[in-house]
Amino acid sequence: MLIWKIERFLAATGMPVTKFGRLAASDPRLVGDMRNGREPRIALTKRLEHFMNDYRSNVHVA
Protein backbone atom coordinates (compact mmCIF):
# COMPACT_ATOMS: atom_id res chain seq x y z
CA MET A 1 0.00 0.00 0.00
CA LEU A 2 1.14 3.49 -0.79
CA ILE A 3 0.54 4.79 2.73
CA TRP A 4 3.08 2.27 4.04
CA LYS A 5 5.67 3.55 1.57
CA ILE A 6 4.93 7.10 2.66
CA GLU A 7 5.18 6.18 6.35
CA ARG A 8 8.58 4.53 5.77
CA PHE A 9 9.72 7.59 3.79
CA LEU A 10 8.63 9.93 6.57
CA ALA A 11 10.40 7.84 9.20
CA ALA A 12 13.60 7.68 7.14
CA THR A 13 13.69 11.39 6.34
CA GLY A 14 12.16 12.82 9.51
CA MET A 15 9.95 14.96 7.30
CA PRO A 16 6.73 16.20 8.94
CA VAL A 17 3.52 14.87 7.37
CA THR A 18 2.24 18.32 6.45
CA LYS A 19 5.50 19.24 4.73
CA PHE A 20 5.39 16.01 2.72
CA GLY A 21 1.84 16.70 1.61
CA ARG A 22 2.64 20.29 0.76
CA LEU A 23 5.77 19.48 -1.25
CA ALA A 24 4.50 16.34 -2.96
CA ALA A 25 0.92 17.30 -3.72
CA SER A 26 0.22 20.85 -2.54
CA ASP A 27 -2.04 19.33 0.12
CA PRO A 28 -0.84 19.51 3.73
CA ARG A 29 -3.73 17.24 4.82
CA LEU A 30 -2.86 14.47 2.36
CA VAL A 31 -1.15 12.03 4.74
CA GLY A 32 -3.72 12.52 7.48
CA ASP A 33 -6.49 11.90 4.98
CA MET A 34 -4.73 8.79 3.68
CA ARG A 35 -4.34 7.51 7.23
CA ASN A 36 -8.12 7.85 7.48
CA GLY A 37 -8.76 5.87 4.30
CA ARG A 38 -8.27 8.27 1.40
CA GLU A 39 -7.07 6.42 -1.69
CA PRO A 40 -5.34 8.66 -4.24
CA ARG A 41 -5.97 8.17 -7.93
CA ILE A 42 -3.30 6.79 -10.23
CA ALA A 43 -1.92 10.17 -11.31
CA LEU A 44 -1.44 11.32 -7.72
CA THR A 45 0.04 7.96 -6.72
CA LYS A 46 2.65 8.28 -9.47
CA ARG A 47 3.36 11.87 -8.44
CA LEU A 48 3.90 10.85 -4.81
CA GLU A 49 6.15 7.95 -5.72
CA HIS A 50 8.16 10.18 -8.05
CA PHE A 51 8.54 12.78 -5.30
CA MET A 52 9.83 10.18 -2.82
CA ASN A 53 12.25 8.66 -5.33
CA ASP A 54 13.52 12.05 -6.44
CA TYR A 55 13.94 13.24 -2.85
CA ARG A 56 15.85 10.09 -1.91
CA SER A 57 18.20 10.39 -4.87
CA ASN A 58 18.89 14.06 -4.24
CA VAL A 59 19.26 13.84 -0.45
CA HIS A 60 20.73 10.31 -0.32
CA VAL A 61 18.21 8.90 2.13
CA ALA A 62 17.92 5.14 2.51
PDB file of N, CA and C in Angstrom:
ATOM      1  N   MET A   1       0.837  -1.196   0.000  1.00  0.00           N
ATOM      2  CA  MET A   1       0.000   0.000   0.000  1.00  0.00           C
ATOM      3  C   MET A   1       0.871   1.244   0.000  1.00  0.00           C
ATOM      4  N   LEU A   2       0.389   2.250  -0.673  1.00  0.00           N
ATOM      5  CA  LEU A   2       1.139   3.491  -0.793  1.00  0.00           C
ATOM      6  C   LEU A   2       1.354   4.169   0.553  1.00  0.00           C
ATOM      7  N   ILE A   3       0.380   4.124   1.432  1.00  0.00           N
ATOM      8  CA  ILE A   3       0.538   4.793   2.727  1.00  0.00           C
ATOM      9  C   ILE A   3       1.699   4.187   3.504  1.00  0.00           C
ATOM     10  N   TRP A   4       1.945   2.896   3.359  1.00  0.00           N
ATOM     11  CA  TRP A   4       3.079   2.268   4.043  1.00  0.00           C
ATOM     12  C   TRP A   4       4.392   2.805   3.496  1.00  0.00           C
ATOM     13  N   LYS A   5       4.469   2.979   2.179  1.00  0.00           N
ATOM     14  CA  LYS A   5       5.671   3.549   1.568  1.00  0.00           C
ATOM     15  C   LYS A   5       5.899   4.968   2.079  1.00  0.00           C
ATOM     16  N   ILE A   6       4.825   5.718   2.178  1.00  0.00           N
ATOM     17  CA  ILE A   6       4.928   7.101   2.664  1.00  0.00           C
ATOM     18  C   ILE A   6       5.372   7.110   4.121  1.00  0.00           C
ATOM     19  N   GLU A   7       4.807   6.241   4.933  1.00  0.00           N
ATOM     20  CA  GLU A   7       5.178   6.177   6.347  1.00  0.00           C
ATOM     21  C   GLU A   7       6.659   5.831   6.506  1.00  0.00           C
ATOM     22  N   ARG A   8       7.154   4.885   5.716  1.00  0.00           N
ATOM     23  CA  ARG A   8       8.578   4.534   5.773  1.00  0.00           C
ATOM     24  C   ARG A   8       9.436   5.711   5.320  1.00  0.00           C
ATOM     25  N   PHE A   9       8.999   6.409   4.279  1.00  0.00           N
ATOM     26  CA  PHE A   9       9.715   7.586   3.788  1.00  0.00           C
ATOM     27  C   PHE A   9       9.779   8.659   4.869  1.00  0.00           C
ATOM     28  N   LEU A  10       8.670   8.917   5.512  1.00  0.00           N
ATOM     29  CA  LEU A  10       8.629   9.935   6.567  1.00  0.00           C
ATOM     30  C   LEU A  10       9.536   9.559   7.737  1.00  0.00           C
ATOM     31  N   ALA A  11       9.541   8.289   8.104  1.00  0.00           N
ATOM     32  CA  ALA A  11      10.398   7.839   9.200  1.00  0.00           C
ATOM     33  C   ALA A  11      11.876   7.973   8.829  1.00  0.00           C
ATOM     34  N   ALA A  12      12.207   7.637   7.583  1.00  0.00           N
ATOM     35  CA  ALA A  12      13.602   7.680   7.138  1.00  0.00           C
ATOM     36  C   ALA A  12      14.120   9.107   6.999  1.00  0.00           C
ATOM     37  N   THR A  13      13.248  10.024   6.590  1.00  0.00           N
ATOM     38  CA  THR A  13      13.689  11.392   6.336  1.00  0.00           C
ATOM     39  C   THR A  13      13.452  12.317   7.522  1.00  0.00           C
ATOM     40  N   GLY A  14      12.531  11.935   8.407  1.00  0.00           N
ATOM     41  CA  GLY A  14      12.164  12.821   9.510  1.00  0.00           C
ATOM     42  C   GLY A  14      11.307  13.993   9.049  1.00  0.00           C
ATOM     43  N   MET A  15      10.766  13.890   7.851  1.00  0.00           N
ATOM     44  CA  MET A  15       9.947  14.963   7.303  1.00  0.00           C
ATOM     45  C   MET A  15       8.565  14.961   7.965  1.00  0.00           C
ATOM     46  N   PRO A  16       8.085  16.125   8.381  1.00  0.00           N
ATOM     47  CA  PRO A  16       6.728  16.200   8.940  1.00  0.00           C
ATOM     48  C   PRO A  16       5.677  15.862   7.875  1.00  0.00           C
ATOM     49  N   VAL A  17       4.566  15.299   8.313  1.00  0.00           N
ATOM     50  CA  VAL A  17       3.523  14.867   7.372  1.00  0.00           C
ATOM     51  C   VAL A  17       2.967  16.032   6.563  1.00  0.00           C
ATOM     52  N   THR A  18       2.805  17.180   7.187  1.00  0.00           N
ATOM     53  CA  THR A  18       2.244  18.317   6.454  1.00  0.00           C
ATOM     54  C   THR A  18       3.216  18.843   5.401  1.00  0.00           C
ATOM     55  N   LYS A  19       4.508  18.797   5.715  1.00  0.00           N
ATOM     56  CA  LYS A  19       5.503  19.236   4.733  1.00  0.00           C
ATOM     57  C   LYS A  19       5.514  18.292   3.537  1.00  0.00           C
ATOM     58  N   PHE A  20       5.446  16.985   3.814  1.00  0.00           N
ATOM     59  CA  PHE A  20       5.394  16.013   2.724  1.00  0.00           C
ATOM     60  C   PHE A  20       4.206  16.302   1.808  1.00  0.00           C
ATOM     61  N   GLY A  21       3.042  16.446   2.408  1.00  0.00           N
ATOM     62  CA  GLY A  21       1.843  16.698   1.607  1.00  0.00           C
ATOM     63  C   GLY A  21       1.944  17.975   0.811  1.00  0.00           C
ATOM     64  N   ARG A  22       2.500  19.000   1.432  1.00  0.00           N
ATOM     65  CA  ARG A  22       2.638  20.293   0.764  1.00  0.00           C
ATOM     66  C   ARG A  22       3.602  20.203  -0.413  1.00  0.00           C
ATOM     67  N   LEU A  23       4.760  19.576  -0.199  1.00  0.00           N
ATOM     68  CA  LEU A  23       5.769  19.482  -1.254  1.00  0.00           C
ATOM     69  C   LEU A  23       5.371  18.511  -2.363  1.00  0.00           C
ATOM     70  N   ALA A  24       4.802  17.387  -1.991  1.00  0.00           N
ATOM     71  CA  ALA A  24       4.502  16.340  -2.965  1.00  0.00           C
ATOM     72  C   ALA A  24       3.208  16.568  -3.727  1.00  0.00           C
ATOM     73  N   ALA A  25       2.226  17.216  -3.080  1.00  0.00           N
ATOM     74  CA  ALA A  25       0.916  17.299  -3.723  1.00  0.00           C
ATOM     75  C   ALA A  25       0.178  18.608  -3.471  1.00  0.00           C
ATOM     76  N   SER A  26       0.857  19.569  -2.880  1.00  0.00           N
ATOM     77  CA  SER A  26       0.220  20.853  -2.537  1.00  0.00           C
ATOM     78  C   SER A  26      -0.999  20.658  -1.644  1.00  0.00           C
ATOM     79  N   ASP A  27      -0.929  19.651  -0.778  1.00  0.00           N
ATOM     80  CA  ASP A  27      -2.043  19.328   0.116  1.00  0.00           C
ATOM     81  C   ASP A  27      -1.497  18.915   1.478  1.00  0.00           C
ATOM     82  N   PRO A  28      -1.408  19.850   2.425  1.00  0.00           N
ATOM     83  CA  PRO A  28      -0.841  19.508   3.726  1.00  0.00           C
ATOM     84  C   PRO A  28      -1.651  18.468   4.504  1.00  0.00           C
ATOM     85  N   ARG A  29      -2.893  18.234   4.133  1.00  0.00           N
ATOM     86  CA  ARG A  29      -3.728  17.237   4.824  1.00  0.00           C
ATOM     87  C   ARG A  29      -3.668  15.859   4.183  1.00  0.00           C
ATOM     88  N   LEU A  30      -2.887  15.711   3.134  1.00  0.00           N
ATOM     89  CA  LEU A  30      -2.861  14.471   2.359  1.00  0.00           C
ATOM     90  C   LEU A  30      -2.592  13.231   3.212  1.00  0.00           C
ATOM     91  N   VAL A  31      -1.521  13.231   3.975  1.00  0.00           N
ATOM     92  CA  VAL A  31      -1.148  12.032   4.741  1.00  0.00           C
ATOM     93  C   VAL A  31      -2.202  11.724   5.804  1.00  0.00           C
ATOM     94  N   GLY A  32      -2.664  12.738   6.489  1.00  0.00           N
ATOM     95  CA  GLY A  32      -3.721  12.518   7.481  1.00  0.00           C
ATOM     96  C   GLY A  32      -4.963  11.926   6.853  1.00  0.00           C
ATOM     97  N   ASP A  33      -5.329  12.446   5.688  1.00  0.00           N
ATOM     98  CA  ASP A  33      -6.491  11.900   4.977  1.00  0.00           C
ATOM     99  C   ASP A  33      -6.251  10.453   4.550  1.00  0.00           C
ATOM    100  N   MET A  34      -5.035  10.164   4.093  1.00  0.00           N
ATOM    101  CA  MET A  34      -4.728   8.787   3.684  1.00  0.00           C
ATOM    102  C   MET A  34      -4.731   7.851   4.882  1.00  0.00           C
ATOM    103  N   ARG A  35      -4.285   8.326   6.019  1.00  0.00           N
ATOM    104  CA  ARG A  35      -4.337   7.506   7.234  1.00  0.00           C
ATOM    105  C   ARG A  35      -5.776   7.188   7.613  1.00  0.00           C
ATOM    106  N   ASN A  36      -6.694   8.051   7.198  1.00  0.00           N
ATOM    107  CA  ASN A  36      -8.115   7.852   7.483  1.00  0.00           C
ATOM    108  C   ASN A  36      -8.862   7.193   6.330  1.00  0.00           C
ATOM    109  N   GLY A  37      -8.121   6.653   5.353  1.00  0.00           N
ATOM    110  CA  GLY A  37      -8.763   5.872   4.305  1.00  0.00           C
ATOM    111  C   GLY A  37      -8.780   6.466   2.920  1.00  0.00           C
ATOM    112  N   ARG A  38      -8.295   7.678   2.741  1.00  0.00           N
ATOM    113  CA  ARG A  38      -8.273   8.275   1.398  1.00  0.00           C
ATOM    114  C   ARG A  38      -7.360   7.465   0.492  1.00  0.00           C
ATOM    115  N   GLU A  39      -7.850   7.142  -0.690  1.00  0.00           N
ATOM    116  CA  GLU A  39      -7.068   6.420  -1.690  1.00  0.00           C
ATOM    117  C   GLU A  39      -6.843   7.354  -2.880  1.00  0.00           C
ATOM    118  N   PRO A  40      -5.597   7.761  -3.112  1.00  0.00           N
ATOM    119  CA  PRO A  40      -5.342   8.661  -4.242  1.00  0.00           C
ATOM    120  C   PRO A  40      -5.504   7.947  -5.578  1.00  0.00           C
ATOM    121  N   ARG A  41      -5.841   8.728  -6.584  1.00  0.00           N
ATOM    122  CA  ARG A  41      -5.972   8.167  -7.925  1.00  0.00           C
ATOM    123  C   ARG A  41      -4.586   7.880  -8.489  1.00  0.00           C
ATOM    124  N   ILE A  42      -4.558   7.242  -9.635  1.00  0.00           N
ATOM    125  CA  ILE A  42      -3.303   6.786 -10.231  1.00  0.00           C
ATOM    126  C   ILE A  42      -2.330   7.938 -10.474  1.00  0.00           C
ATOM    127  N   ALA A  43      -2.813   9.042 -11.004  1.00  0.00           N
ATOM    128  CA  ALA A  43      -1.920  10.166 -11.307  1.00  0.00           C
ATOM    129  C   ALA A  43      -1.248  10.701 -10.041  1.00  0.00           C
ATOM    130  N   LEU A  44      -2.006  10.834  -8.965  1.00  0.00           N
ATOM    131  CA  LEU A  44      -1.437  11.322  -7.718  1.00  0.00           C
ATOM    132  C   LEU A  44      -0.493  10.286  -7.118  1.00  0.00           C
ATOM    133  N   THR A  45      -0.835   9.022  -7.214  1.00  0.00           N
ATOM    134  CA  THR A  45       0.036   7.962  -6.722  1.00  0.00           C
ATOM    135  C   THR A  45       1.391   8.035  -7.409  1.00  0.00           C
ATOM    136  N   LYS A  46       1.388   8.178  -8.720  1.00  0.00           N
ATOM    137  CA  LYS A  46       2.646   8.283  -9.471  1.00  0.00           C
ATOM    138  C   LYS A  46       3.420   9.526  -9.060  1.00  0.00           C
ATOM    139  N   ARG A  47       2.719  10.622  -8.856  1.00  0.00           N
ATOM    140  CA  ARG A  47       3.356  11.870  -8.443  1.00  0.00           C
ATOM    141  C   ARG A  47       4.026  11.721  -7.071  1.00  0.00           C
ATOM    142  N   LEU A  48       3.349  11.063  -6.138  1.00  0.00           N
ATOM    143  CA  LEU A  48       3.899  10.853  -4.807  1.00  0.00           C
ATOM    144  C   LEU A  48       5.115   9.939  -4.844  1.00  0.00           C
ATOM    145  N   GLU A  49       5.026   8.858  -5.609  1.00  0.00           N
ATOM    146  CA  GLU A  49       6.154   7.945  -5.719  1.00  0.00           C
ATOM    147  C   GLU A  49       7.346   8.635  -6.381  1.00  0.00           C
ATOM    148  N   HIS A  50       7.082   9.434  -7.399  1.00  0.00           N
ATOM    149  CA  HIS A  50       8.161  10.183  -8.052  1.00  0.00           C
ATOM    150  C   HIS A  50       8.808  11.147  -7.066  1.00  0.00           C
ATOM    151  N   PHE A  51       8.000  11.845  -6.288  1.00  0.00           N
ATOM    152  CA  PHE A  51       8.543  12.779  -5.303  1.00  0.00           C
ATOM    153  C   PHE A  51       9.465  12.054  -4.331  1.00  0.00           C
ATOM    154  N   MET A  52       9.016  10.914  -3.801  1.00  0.00           N
ATOM    155  CA  MET A  52       9.829  10.183  -2.822  1.00  0.00           C
ATOM    156  C   MET A  52      11.127   9.681  -3.447  1.00  0.00           C
ATOM    157  N   ASN A  53      11.044   9.147  -4.649  1.00  0.00           N
ATOM    158  CA  ASN A  53      12.250   8.658  -5.330  1.00  0.00           C
ATOM    159  C   ASN A  53      13.215   9.792  -5.632  1.00  0.00           C
ATOM    160  N   ASP A  54      12.689  10.893  -6.108  1.00  0.00           N
ATOM    161  CA  ASP A  54      13.518  12.053  -6.436  1.00  0.00           C
ATOM    162  C   ASP A  54      14.165  12.620  -5.174  1.00  0.00           C
ATOM    163  N   TYR A  55      13.414  12.708  -4.111  1.00  0.00           N
ATOM    164  CA  TYR A  55      13.935  13.236  -2.854  1.00  0.00           C
ATOM    165  C   TYR A  55      15.050  12.342  -2.329  1.00  0.00           C
ATOM    166  N   ARG A  56      14.828  11.039  -2.374  1.00  0.00           N
ATOM    167  CA  ARG A  56      15.848  10.094  -1.910  1.00  0.00           C
ATOM    168  C   ARG A  56      17.128  10.217  -2.725  1.00  0.00           C
ATOM    169  N   SER A  57      16.986  10.324  -4.028  1.00  0.00           N
ATOM    170  CA  SER A  57      18.196  10.387  -4.866  1.00  0.00           C
ATOM    171  C   SER A  57      18.938  11.700  -4.706  1.00  0.00           C
ATOM    172  N   ASN A  58      18.234  12.777  -4.403  1.00  0.00           N
ATOM    173  CA  ASN A  58      18.885  14.064  -4.241  1.00  0.00           C
ATOM    174  C   ASN A  58      19.432  14.296  -2.828  1.00  0.00           C
ATOM    175  N   VAL A  59      18.841  13.638  -1.833  1.00  0.00           N
ATOM    176  CA  VAL A  59      19.259  13.839  -0.447  1.00  0.00           C
ATOM    177  C   VAL A  59      20.026  12.625   0.075  1.00  0.00           C
ATOM    178  N   HIS A  60      20.026  11.530  -0.697  1.00  0.00           N
ATOM    179  CA  HIS A  60      20.733  10.306  -0.318  1.00  0.00           C
ATOM    180  C   HIS A  60      20.183   9.706   0.971  1.00  0.00           C
ATOM    181  N   VAL A  61      18.887   9.531   1.002  1.00  0.00           N
ATOM    182  CA  VAL A  61      18.206   8.902   2.132  1.00  0.00           C
ATOM    183  C   VAL A  61      17.954   7.453   1.791  1.00  0.00           C
ATOM    184  N   ALA A  62      18.128   6.582   2.754  1.00  0.00           N
ATOM    185  CA  ALA A  62      17.918   5.136   2.511  1.00  0.00           C
ATOM    186  C   ALA A  62      16.469   4.825   2.279  1.00  0.00           C
TER     187      ALA A  62
END
